[in-house]
Structures are given as C-alpha cells and as structure tokens.
Amino acid sequence: MKALISPTALLAMAFVGCPATAQDPESGDGDGPRIEASAAIGRDVVPPDVVDITAVQDRIETVARGGVRIGYELGDTLIDFGAGIEVFPEESLYNRYRLETGVLQEIALTGDRDWRLRLGASYEYVLGDEGRVYDRPRADVQLVRRWSPTNTTIGRVRYGYRNQTERRFVGYDQSEWLLELRHAWRPGNGATYLSITALGDFHDADDDRFSYDGYGVRLSGRTPLGGRFTGRGTFALIQRDYEDPFSGLYPFAREDTDVQATLGVEYLLDSGIALFAEGGYRDNASNIPTRDYSGFIGQLGVRYVPD
C-alpha cells in the first residue's frame, strides 16, 4: 500500500480541502457568498477506522491535506458546501477524499439576541482509494447565552450516524452523540479569544468492541502578537472507555487517555492570504499495545479567507 504523492494529488490539494461545516452566522460580514481554502503538509494521527493486521501500528504519519469551503449567508441562515483531501504518503490505505454539505439556522429567542437557538444539519461522504469509506448524516442543536459582549456560553447536542463500509471489517457502523458545554471569553471585547469546553462523546457501534463512552475538556485560544502575526493554541484531554474485549489477542476492554497540545502562529499577507505553522504533541495512552502511541504533530500551510 505504500505510495508517493502524485503530481495530480498535489494539484488537487490546492483546490479541495476541509469538509464544510455550518458555522456561526455572526462570524460573517453580512449576506452573500464567501469562500475559504487551505493547503498544508505535516504530521497527524491516521484515521481511527483503519484496523491493520500488523502487531505494531504507528498511529502518527505524514499527511498532506487541502480544501475549499463555500458558504452562502442569508440573514440568520448559513448554507455550506465543501470538499477535502488527505493524502498519507507512507500508506495509501489511509487516504481520504471528503464531500460535505450543511445548513445552520439561528433563531433569536429574545429581542436583544442574548438568548439564541441554532439548528443545524449536515451530510458527509468520504471515499478512499478503494471506494467509499463511510457516509454520515448529522443533526445539531445549540443554545447560546450571551452574558455580555465579552462572555458567551453555548450548550450543544449533536447526533450522527456513521455508515461504514464493510469491505475491511464489520461492526463499525455506529450512532454518535456529542454533548458540549463551552464558555468563550474576549478580554476587553478585543481580538483575543479564549474558550473552555467540557464534552461527552458517546459511540454505540454494531460491534461493542468499537463502542465507547468518552469524557474530556478542551481549551483553545488566539491572540494578536503584533503586526500581521496571530498566535493560537489548543489543549485537549479525553478519556475513552470501551465496552467489549478488544480482540482474541487482547481479551479485555480497551481504555484510552488521549492528550493533545499544540501552539501555532499565523502571518497575514495581503488579499486575505495567510501562512500558518503549528506544532505540538499527542499522546494516546492505551491498555491495548497496538493503540498506544505518541509523537509530534504539526503542519505548515497556507489559508485563503477573503475579508
């Protein structure tokens, strides 16, 4: 399965990329279309739905990715379309080609818009080099409470169903529930942004060895560094407890503690083009040796987000 990145794939990464996701309507500059595009290369964790037969699996590989997202904002409604590609030069089995569309409707519950409801839906279709990997519809409900211009709290419930191909193995089809409570803070109502999120992530797969309950916390932030530079950072800690024995070789339930931390910097060029770099470390401590991994993660890339 070893493969090099072809010139065609490199060209494609300049035009296709991250999957579309309906975003906050307030984040735009008003009604009308908008486009975002990006391309990057770095190190990241391989897709979790790949089950190899080798005894030792390195879950962090070199990856090249890119994408485009097109959205249309009309009042409190946002419609998204997007496409993305991830190419793993060391193992083409991990390659992913992604299409997604989504819609988000925001409803003001009070005249001052301090209480708002967001209703969203999306559909994702993912291909690999051997054909369809999975498709996944999702439904999303968010309740927004703006306490002041500097403080906002968001409660979120998202449901999805992942319909996985059975070409490699069976039992990975699953219902996915995500519960989040996030608080965002903008000191002095300026450009600095900080958020903390508590989450619950519950997956119920056809085969219970893929089912788990996950709990965690995520911190993220960004701040101007002076001139055209912006700094970014993230930290996440998630504990996942699986239901059934992992395999005949490891006849006990899997338990993972996943820790990830990254820091990055972005430099804004003219015409909405930004160069970015980020690096960090990810450690997935697991009682299953083939799922216990750690190492450097990071990426270098370019992003286009017009003003």
Protein backbone atom coordinates (compact mmCIF):
# COMPACT_ATOMS: atom_id res chain seq x y z
CA MET A 1 0.00 0.00 0.00
CA LYS A 2 3.00 2.34 0.03
CA ALA A 3 2.55 5.25 -2.34
CA LEU A 4 4.10 8.60 -3.15
CA ILE A 5 2.05 11.76 -3.60
CA SER A 6 1.36 12.10 -7.31
CA PRO A 7 1.50 15.48 -9.08
CA THR A 8 -2.24 15.17 -9.64
CA ALA A 9 -2.86 14.80 -5.91
CA LEU A 10 -0.65 17.77 -5.11
CA LEU A 11 -2.56 19.87 -7.62
CA ALA A 12 -5.87 18.72 -6.21
CA MET A 13 -4.86 19.78 -2.71
CA ALA A 14 -4.71 23.37 -3.89
CA PHE A 15 -8.41 23.26 -4.79
CA VAL A 16 -10.14 20.86 -2.42
CA GLY A 17 -9.92 20.56 1.32
CA CYS A 18 -11.56 20.69 4.69
CA PRO A 19 -15.15 19.44 4.83
CA ALA A 20 -17.88 22.01 5.04
CA THR A 21 -19.49 22.64 8.39
CA ALA A 22 -22.19 25.20 9.01
CA GLN A 23 -20.59 27.97 11.04
CA ASP A 24 -21.88 30.79 13.25
CA PRO A 25 -23.85 33.25 11.06
CA GLU A 26 -22.50 36.12 13.16
CA SER A 27 -18.94 35.29 12.07
CA GLY A 28 -19.51 36.67 8.56
CA ASP A 29 -19.69 40.21 7.29
CA GLY A 30 -23.30 40.03 6.12
CA ASP A 31 -25.46 38.39 3.49
CA GLY A 32 -23.87 36.80 0.46
CA PRO A 33 -21.36 34.15 -0.57
CA ARG A 34 -17.96 33.52 1.00
CA ILE A 35 -15.15 31.10 0.31
CA GLU A 36 -12.30 29.64 2.33
CA ALA A 37 -9.45 27.46 1.05
CA SER A 38 -6.34 25.89 2.57
CA ALA A 39 -3.47 23.53 1.85
CA ALA A 40 -0.94 22.08 4.31
CA ILE A 41 1.55 19.31 4.97
CA GLY A 42 2.55 17.91 8.33
CA ARG A 43 2.23 15.04 10.81
CA ASP A 44 -1.07 13.82 12.22
CA VAL A 45 -2.93 10.79 13.53
CA VAL A 46 -4.12 8.32 10.89
CA PRO A 47 -7.89 7.64 10.55
CA PRO A 48 -9.20 5.60 13.51
CA ASP A 49 -11.28 3.28 11.31
CA VAL A 50 -8.23 1.51 9.85
CA VAL A 51 -7.64 -1.88 11.51
CA ASP A 52 -4.35 -3.36 10.32
CA ILE A 53 -3.23 -6.90 10.99
CA THR A 54 0.30 -5.89 11.99
CA ALA A 55 1.30 -6.28 15.64
CA VAL A 56 2.70 -2.75 15.92
CA GLN A 57 0.87 0.26 14.47
CA ASP A 58 2.27 3.78 14.41
CA ARG A 59 -0.83 5.96 14.50
CA ILE A 60 1.00 9.18 13.53
CA GLU A 61 2.01 9.63 9.89
CA THR A 62 2.99 12.33 7.41
CA VAL A 63 -0.08 13.82 5.75
CA ALA A 64 -0.77 16.38 3.03
CA ARG A 65 -4.19 17.97 3.04
CA GLY A 66 -6.10 20.77 1.43
CA GLY A 67 -9.56 22.00 0.78
CA VAL A 68 -12.20 24.51 -0.10
CA ARG A 69 -15.38 25.56 1.65
CA ILE A 70 -18.09 27.68 0.03
CA GLY A 71 -20.82 29.19 2.15
CA TYR A 72 -23.81 31.40 1.48
CA GLU A 73 -25.15 33.55 4.29
CA LEU A 74 -28.67 34.92 4.16
CA GLY A 75 -29.69 36.66 7.36
CA ASP A 76 -29.60 34.07 10.13
CA THR A 77 -29.24 31.16 7.70
CA LEU A 78 -25.92 29.75 6.51
CA ILE A 79 -25.55 27.05 3.83
CA ASP A 80 -22.18 25.32 3.31
CA PHE A 81 -20.63 23.14 0.63
CA GLY A 82 -17.11 21.76 0.83
CA ALA A 83 -14.61 19.16 -0.28
CA GLY A 84 -11.37 17.92 1.22
CA ILE A 85 -8.47 15.59 0.65
CA GLU A 86 -5.95 13.94 2.98
CA VAL A 87 -3.08 12.00 1.41
CA PHE A 88 -0.72 9.88 3.53
CA PRO A 89 2.49 9.36 1.50
CA GLU A 90 3.64 6.40 3.62
CA GLU A 91 0.38 4.45 3.43
CA SER A 92 -2.30 4.99 0.78
CA LEU A 93 -4.76 2.89 2.82
CA TYR A 94 -5.30 6.00 4.97
CA ASN A 95 -6.11 8.40 2.10
CA ARG A 96 -9.43 10.22 2.41
CA TYR A 97 -11.46 12.27 -0.11
CA ARG A 98 -14.32 14.10 1.50
CA LEU A 99 -17.52 15.86 0.39
CA GLU A 100 -19.93 17.58 2.77
CA THR A 101 -22.85 19.96 2.82
CA GLY A 102 -24.53 21.61 5.77
CA VAL A 103 -27.08 24.21 6.83
CA LEU A 104 -27.36 26.22 10.05
CA GLN A 105 -30.37 28.27 11.13
CA GLU A 106 -30.13 30.70 14.04
CA ILE A 107 -33.28 31.77 15.88
CA ALA A 108 -33.30 34.75 18.25
CA LEU A 109 -35.23 33.86 21.43
CA THR A 110 -35.11 37.40 22.86
CA GLY A 111 -35.24 40.82 21.26
CA ASP A 112 -31.67 41.64 22.33
CA ARG A 113 -30.46 38.28 20.91
CA ASP A 114 -28.81 37.39 24.20
CA TRP A 115 -30.63 34.04 24.01
CA ARG A 116 -30.44 32.22 20.66
CA LEU A 117 -31.15 28.76 19.29
CA ARG A 118 -29.12 27.22 16.48
CA LEU A 119 -30.42 24.27 14.46
CA GLY A 120 -28.07 22.54 12.04
CA ALA A 121 -27.87 19.54 9.75
CA SER A 122 -25.07 18.15 7.57
CA TYR A 123 -24.18 15.20 5.39
CA GLU A 124 -20.65 13.87 4.85
CA TYR A 125 -19.46 11.36 2.22
CA VAL A 126 -15.90 10.01 2.46
CA LEU A 127 -14.00 7.99 -0.14
CA GLY A 128 -10.68 6.16 -0.01
CA ASP A 129 -8.53 4.78 -2.80
CA GLU A 130 -10.67 1.62 -2.75
CA GLY A 131 -14.04 3.38 -2.83
CA ARG A 132 -16.50 4.55 -0.18
CA VAL A 133 -15.22 4.54 3.40
CA TYR A 134 -18.33 5.89 5.13
CA ASP A 135 -21.15 8.39 4.93
CA ARG A 136 -22.60 10.24 7.91
CA PRO A 137 -25.68 12.44 8.40
CA ARG A 138 -25.71 14.71 11.47
CA ALA A 139 -28.21 16.88 13.33
CA ASP A 140 -27.12 19.66 15.68
CA VAL A 141 -28.86 21.79 18.32
CA GLN A 142 -27.15 24.65 20.18
CA LEU A 143 -28.46 27.01 22.85
CA VAL A 144 -26.49 30.28 23.05
CA ARG A 145 -26.45 32.62 26.03
CA ARG A 146 -24.57 35.91 25.65
CA TRP A 147 -23.94 37.27 29.12
CA SER A 148 -22.11 40.37 27.90
CA PRO A 149 -20.14 41.49 24.83
CA THR A 150 -17.15 39.61 26.29
CA ASN A 151 -18.73 36.38 27.61
CA THR A 152 -20.84 33.75 25.83
CA THR A 153 -21.89 30.23 26.87
CA ILE A 154 -23.03 27.58 24.37
CA GLY A 155 -24.69 24.26 25.13
CA ARG A 156 -24.69 21.74 22.28
CA VAL A 157 -26.17 18.34 21.43
CA ARG A 158 -25.19 16.65 18.16
CA TYR A 159 -26.31 13.29 16.79
CA GLY A 160 -24.76 11.46 13.89
CA TYR A 161 -24.91 8.03 12.29
CA ARG A 162 -21.76 6.65 10.69
CA ASN A 163 -22.46 4.10 7.94
CA GLN A 164 -19.10 2.37 7.46
CA THR A 165 -18.11 0.18 4.54
CA GLU A 166 -17.74 -3.50 5.46
CA ARG A 167 -15.03 -4.07 2.89
CA ARG A 168 -12.24 -4.41 5.50
CA PHE A 169 -14.16 -5.43 8.63
CA VAL A 170 -17.69 -5.40 10.05
CA GLY A 171 -19.27 -3.88 13.12
CA TYR A 172 -18.08 -0.25 12.82
CA ASP A 173 -21.48 1.25 11.91
CA GLN A 174 -22.40 3.43 14.87
CA SER A 175 -24.61 6.08 16.42
CA GLU A 176 -22.64 9.06 17.71
CA TRP A 177 -23.77 11.51 20.40
CA LEU A 178 -21.77 14.61 21.30
CA LEU A 179 -22.63 16.79 24.33
CA GLU A 180 -20.72 20.05 24.84
CA LEU A 181 -20.80 22.98 27.23
CA ARG A 182 -18.50 25.78 26.08
CA HIS A 183 -17.72 29.20 27.50
CA ALA A 184 -15.98 31.83 25.37
CA TRP A 185 -14.29 34.98 26.65
CA ARG A 186 -12.98 38.01 24.75
CA PRO A 187 -10.99 40.15 27.20
CA GLY A 188 -11.89 43.79 26.69
CA ASN A 189 -14.08 42.72 23.74
CA GLY A 190 -10.90 42.72 21.64
CA ALA A 191 -9.24 40.32 19.23
CA THR A 192 -8.01 37.91 21.92
CA TYR A 193 -10.29 34.88 22.27
CA LEU A 194 -10.28 32.11 24.90
CA SER A 195 -12.64 29.17 25.33
CA ILE A 196 -13.05 26.14 27.58
CA THR A 197 -15.27 23.18 26.67
CA ALA A 198 -16.47 20.22 28.70
CA LEU A 199 -17.64 17.35 26.50
CA GLY A 200 -19.16 13.93 26.43
CA ASP A 201 -18.69 11.72 23.35
CA PHE A 202 -20.75 8.50 23.17
CA HIS A 203 -20.47 5.96 20.34
CA ASP A 204 -22.72 2.91 20.06
CA ALA A 205 -21.35 0.61 17.35
CA ASP A 206 -22.79 -2.63 15.95
CA ASP A 207 -19.78 -4.43 17.43
CA ASP A 208 -19.40 -3.37 21.07
CA ARG A 209 -15.61 -3.51 20.92
CA PHE A 210 -15.89 -0.25 18.93
CA SER A 211 -18.46 1.30 21.32
CA TYR A 212 -17.23 3.73 23.96
CA ASP A 213 -18.12 6.50 26.39
CA GLY A 214 -15.76 9.46 26.26
CA TYR A 215 -15.38 12.46 28.57
CA GLY A 216 -12.99 15.35 28.36
CA VAL A 217 -12.05 19.00 28.34
CA ARG A 218 -10.70 21.24 25.60
CA LEU A 219 -9.01 24.64 25.87
CA SER A 220 -8.33 26.90 22.90
CA GLY A 221 -7.35 30.48 22.25
CA ARG A 222 -5.87 33.02 19.89
CA THR A 223 -4.33 36.45 20.33
CA PRO A 224 -2.60 39.11 18.21
CA LEU A 225 1.19 39.03 18.50
CA GLY A 226 1.85 42.36 16.86
CA GLY A 227 1.95 43.44 13.26
CA ARG A 228 0.44 40.80 11.00
CA PHE A 229 1.07 37.88 13.39
CA THR A 230 -1.54 35.95 15.38
CA GLY A 231 -0.81 33.22 17.91
CA ARG A 232 -3.01 30.18 18.51
CA GLY A 233 -3.04 27.32 21.00
CA THR A 234 -5.10 24.25 21.95
CA PHE A 235 -5.12 21.63 24.69
CA ALA A 236 -7.43 18.62 24.90
CA LEU A 237 -7.77 15.71 27.33
CA ILE A 238 -10.25 12.90 26.59
CA GLN A 239 -10.80 9.61 28.42
CA ARG A 240 -12.49 6.82 26.40
CA ASP A 241 -13.78 3.59 27.96
CA TYR A 242 -14.83 0.83 25.53
CA GLU A 243 -17.48 -1.80 26.19
CA ASP A 244 -16.22 -5.18 24.98
CA PRO A 245 -12.90 -7.07 24.77
CA PHE A 246 -10.72 -5.67 22.01
CA SER A 247 -9.71 -8.94 20.32
CA GLY A 248 -8.73 -12.55 20.89
CA LEU A 249 -5.13 -11.44 21.39
CA TYR A 250 -6.19 -8.75 23.90
CA PRO A 251 -9.30 -10.21 25.60
CA PHE A 252 -10.17 -7.16 27.72
CA ALA A 253 -11.96 -3.85 27.20
CA ARG A 254 -9.92 -1.01 25.77
CA GLU A 255 -9.23 2.15 27.80
CA ASP A 256 -7.58 5.24 26.27
CA THR A 257 -6.42 8.56 27.68
CA ASP A 258 -5.81 10.94 24.79
CA VAL A 259 -3.84 14.16 25.44
CA GLN A 260 -3.07 16.71 22.72
CA ALA A 261 -1.40 20.14 22.91
CA THR A 262 -0.43 22.46 20.05
CA LEU A 263 0.86 26.00 19.54
CA GLY A 264 0.83 27.90 16.27
CA VAL A 265 1.39 31.21 14.56
CA GLU A 266 -0.26 32.79 11.53
CA TYR A 267 1.07 35.57 9.31
CA LEU A 268 -1.46 37.52 7.28
CA LEU A 269 -0.41 38.55 3.79
CA ASP A 270 -2.39 40.83 1.52
CA SER A 271 -5.70 39.84 -0.09
CA GLY A 272 -6.77 37.52 2.73
CA ILE A 273 -3.92 35.02 2.29
CA ALA A 274 -2.28 33.75 5.49
CA LEU A 275 0.71 31.50 6.12
CA PHE A 276 0.49 29.31 9.21
CA ALA A 277 2.61 26.90 11.20
CA GLU A 278 1.73 24.85 14.26
CA GLY A 279 3.33 22.10 16.24
CA GLY A 280 2.62 20.04 19.31
CA TYR A 281 2.45 16.60 20.84
CA ARG A 282 -0.21 13.92 21.03
CA ASP A 283 -0.15 11.01 23.44
CA ASN A 284 -2.78 8.26 23.38
CA ALA A 285 -2.09 6.08 26.42
CA SER A 286 -3.96 2.81 25.89
CA ASN A 287 -4.04 -0.61 27.54
CA ILE A 288 -4.09 -2.06 24.00
CA PRO A 289 -0.48 -2.03 22.73
CA THR A 290 -1.48 -1.51 19.09
CA ARG A 291 -3.46 1.60 20.09
CA ASP A 292 -0.83 3.08 22.41
CA TYR A 293 1.03 5.80 20.52
CA SER A 294 2.58 9.24 20.94
CA GLY A 295 4.59 11.71 18.91
CA PHE A 296 4.95 15.10 17.28
CA ILE A 297 2.03 16.53 15.36
CA GLY A 298 2.01 19.72 13.34
CA GLN A 299 1.59 21.32 9.96
CA LEU A 300 2.78 24.08 7.64
CA GLY A 301 0.36 25.63 5.21
CA VAL A 302 -1.43 28.48 3.53
CA ARG A 303 -5.01 29.63 4.02
CA TYR A 304 -7.22 31.95 1.98
CA VAL A 305 -10.03 33.71 3.82
CA PRO A 306 -11.10 36.89 1.99
CA ASP A 307 -12.04 39.95 4.04
